[in-house]
Amino acid sequence: MGRRILLEHEGRAALLEETPAPEVELQEAVKRNPELLPIEDFGMAGPLLVIGRETTLPSGAVDLVGLSRAGDLLLVEFKVGPANPDFRHATSQLLDYGSHLWEKGVEDLE
């Protein structure tokens, strides 16, 4: 189910329904264009290099793993559509992923 958008222009109204992009499309778009992520807002120096997509960990698969110029890791988990209204679930996933990556070295990410 998409979200409905009412557009008005020159006295005429149109109702559009927008369907969210699948997670895979979002992953690919950000993988190809990591500059879309506001990493400076996270205190990270760019550019960001995406080093993993659907990276498997004991707790699940991280949608995207990025590496900053300073060597900081950025974990990205996409949630789209009305099936994922609870941000707490995504937060707990990221905490699990981060805890599994905490003691890993560069060679473990290859």
Protein backbone atom coordinates (compact mmCIF):
# COMPACT_ATOMS: atom_id res chain seq x y z
CA MET A 1 0.00 0.00 0.00
CA GLY A 2 1.37 3.37 -0.97
CA ARG A 3 0.82 6.78 0.46
CA ARG A 4 -1.66 9.17 -1.06
CA ILE A 5 -0.61 12.64 -2.15
CA LEU A 6 -3.02 15.41 -3.11
CA LEU A 7 -1.58 17.82 -5.66
CA GLU A 8 -3.27 21.08 -6.56
CA HIS A 9 -2.26 23.19 -9.54
CA GLU A 10 -4.16 26.05 -11.14
CA GLY A 11 -7.39 25.14 -9.38
CA ARG A 12 -7.26 21.48 -10.36
CA ALA A 13 -6.59 18.67 -7.91
CA ALA A 14 -5.06 15.28 -8.56
CA LEU A 15 -4.73 12.40 -6.13
CA LEU A 16 -1.60 10.33 -6.62
CA GLU A 17 -0.57 7.15 -4.88
CA GLU A 18 3.14 6.69 -4.28
CA THR A 19 4.54 3.22 -3.67
CA PRO A 20 7.80 3.01 -1.72
CA ALA A 21 10.82 1.65 -3.54
CA PRO A 22 11.89 -1.85 -2.52
CA GLU A 23 14.82 -2.03 -0.12
CA VAL A 24 17.01 -3.57 -2.82
CA GLU A 25 16.55 -0.51 -5.05
CA LEU A 26 17.44 1.82 -2.17
CA GLN A 27 20.51 -0.27 -1.33
CA GLU A 28 21.72 -0.11 -4.92
CA ALA A 29 21.05 3.63 -5.22
CA VAL A 30 23.05 4.44 -2.08
CA LYS A 31 25.78 1.93 -2.98
CA ARG A 32 26.25 3.71 -6.33
CA ASN A 33 25.88 7.19 -4.76
CA PRO A 34 27.16 7.07 -1.16
CA GLU A 35 27.31 10.87 -1.15
CA LEU A 36 23.53 10.74 -0.60
CA LEU A 37 24.22 9.88 3.04
CA PRO A 38 24.84 12.92 5.27
CA ILE A 39 27.91 11.43 6.93
CA GLU A 40 29.12 14.83 8.12
CA ASP A 41 26.02 14.89 10.35
CA PHE A 42 27.44 11.78 12.05
CA GLY A 43 30.83 13.44 12.58
CA MET A 44 32.46 11.43 9.81
CA ALA A 45 34.79 12.70 7.08
CA GLY A 46 33.97 11.85 3.48
CA PRO A 47 34.07 10.45 1.05
CA LEU A 48 32.31 7.29 2.15
CA LEU A 49 33.23 4.00 0.51
CA VAL A 50 30.58 1.27 0.55
CA ILE A 51 32.46 -1.92 1.41
CA GLY A 52 29.56 -4.31 1.90
CA ARG A 53 25.99 -4.96 0.88
CA GLU A 54 23.90 -7.57 2.70
CA THR A 55 26.98 -8.34 4.81
CA THR A 56 26.25 -11.50 6.80
CA LEU A 57 26.79 -11.44 10.57
CA PRO A 58 25.65 -13.87 13.29
CA SER A 59 22.71 -11.55 14.05
CA GLY A 60 21.60 -11.04 10.43
CA ALA A 61 22.59 -9.20 7.27
CA VAL A 62 23.55 -5.51 7.29
CA ASP A 63 22.01 -3.73 4.30
CA LEU A 64 25.09 -1.55 3.69
CA VAL A 65 28.46 -1.16 5.40
CA GLY A 66 30.40 2.01 4.67
CA LEU A 67 33.93 3.09 5.54
CA SER A 68 34.88 6.74 6.04
CA ARG A 69 38.20 8.35 5.17
CA ALA A 70 39.21 8.10 8.85
CA GLY A 71 38.36 4.39 9.02
CA ASP A 72 35.02 4.75 10.80
CA LEU A 73 32.33 2.22 9.93
CA LEU A 74 28.79 3.27 9.06
CA LEU A 75 26.04 0.66 9.18
CA VAL A 76 22.90 1.36 7.16
CA GLU A 77 19.62 -0.52 7.59
CA PHE A 78 16.77 0.32 5.22
CA LYS A 79 13.12 0.03 6.22
CA VAL A 80 10.41 0.89 3.72
CA GLY A 81 6.65 0.85 3.63
CA PRO A 82 3.95 0.41 6.23
CA ALA A 83 5.23 -3.06 7.13
CA ASN A 84 8.11 -1.41 9.06
CA PRO A 85 6.55 1.31 11.24
CA ASP A 86 8.63 0.60 14.35
CA PHE A 87 12.04 2.30 14.28
CA ARG A 88 12.95 0.50 17.52
CA HIS A 89 13.29 -2.76 15.61
CA ALA A 90 15.76 -1.19 13.16
CA THR A 91 17.66 0.35 16.08
CA SER A 92 17.96 -3.01 17.83
CA GLN A 93 19.14 -4.62 14.58
CA LEU A 94 21.87 -2.00 14.20
CA LEU A 95 22.97 -2.45 17.82
CA ASP A 96 23.24 -6.21 17.26
CA TYR A 97 25.21 -5.69 14.04
CA GLY A 98 27.52 -3.17 15.70
CA SER A 99 28.22 -5.50 18.62
CA HIS A 100 29.23 -8.26 16.20
CA LEU A 101 31.53 -5.91 14.30
CA TRP A 102 33.08 -4.34 17.41
CA GLU A 103 36.05 -6.71 17.67
CA LYS A 104 36.52 -7.37 13.95
CA GLY A 105 39.59 -6.24 12.05
CA VAL A 106 39.95 -5.10 8.46
CA GLU A 107 40.83 -8.62 7.33
CA ASP A 108 37.49 -9.85 8.72
CA LEU A 109 35.60 -7.45 6.46
CA GLU A 110 37.17 -8.71 3.24
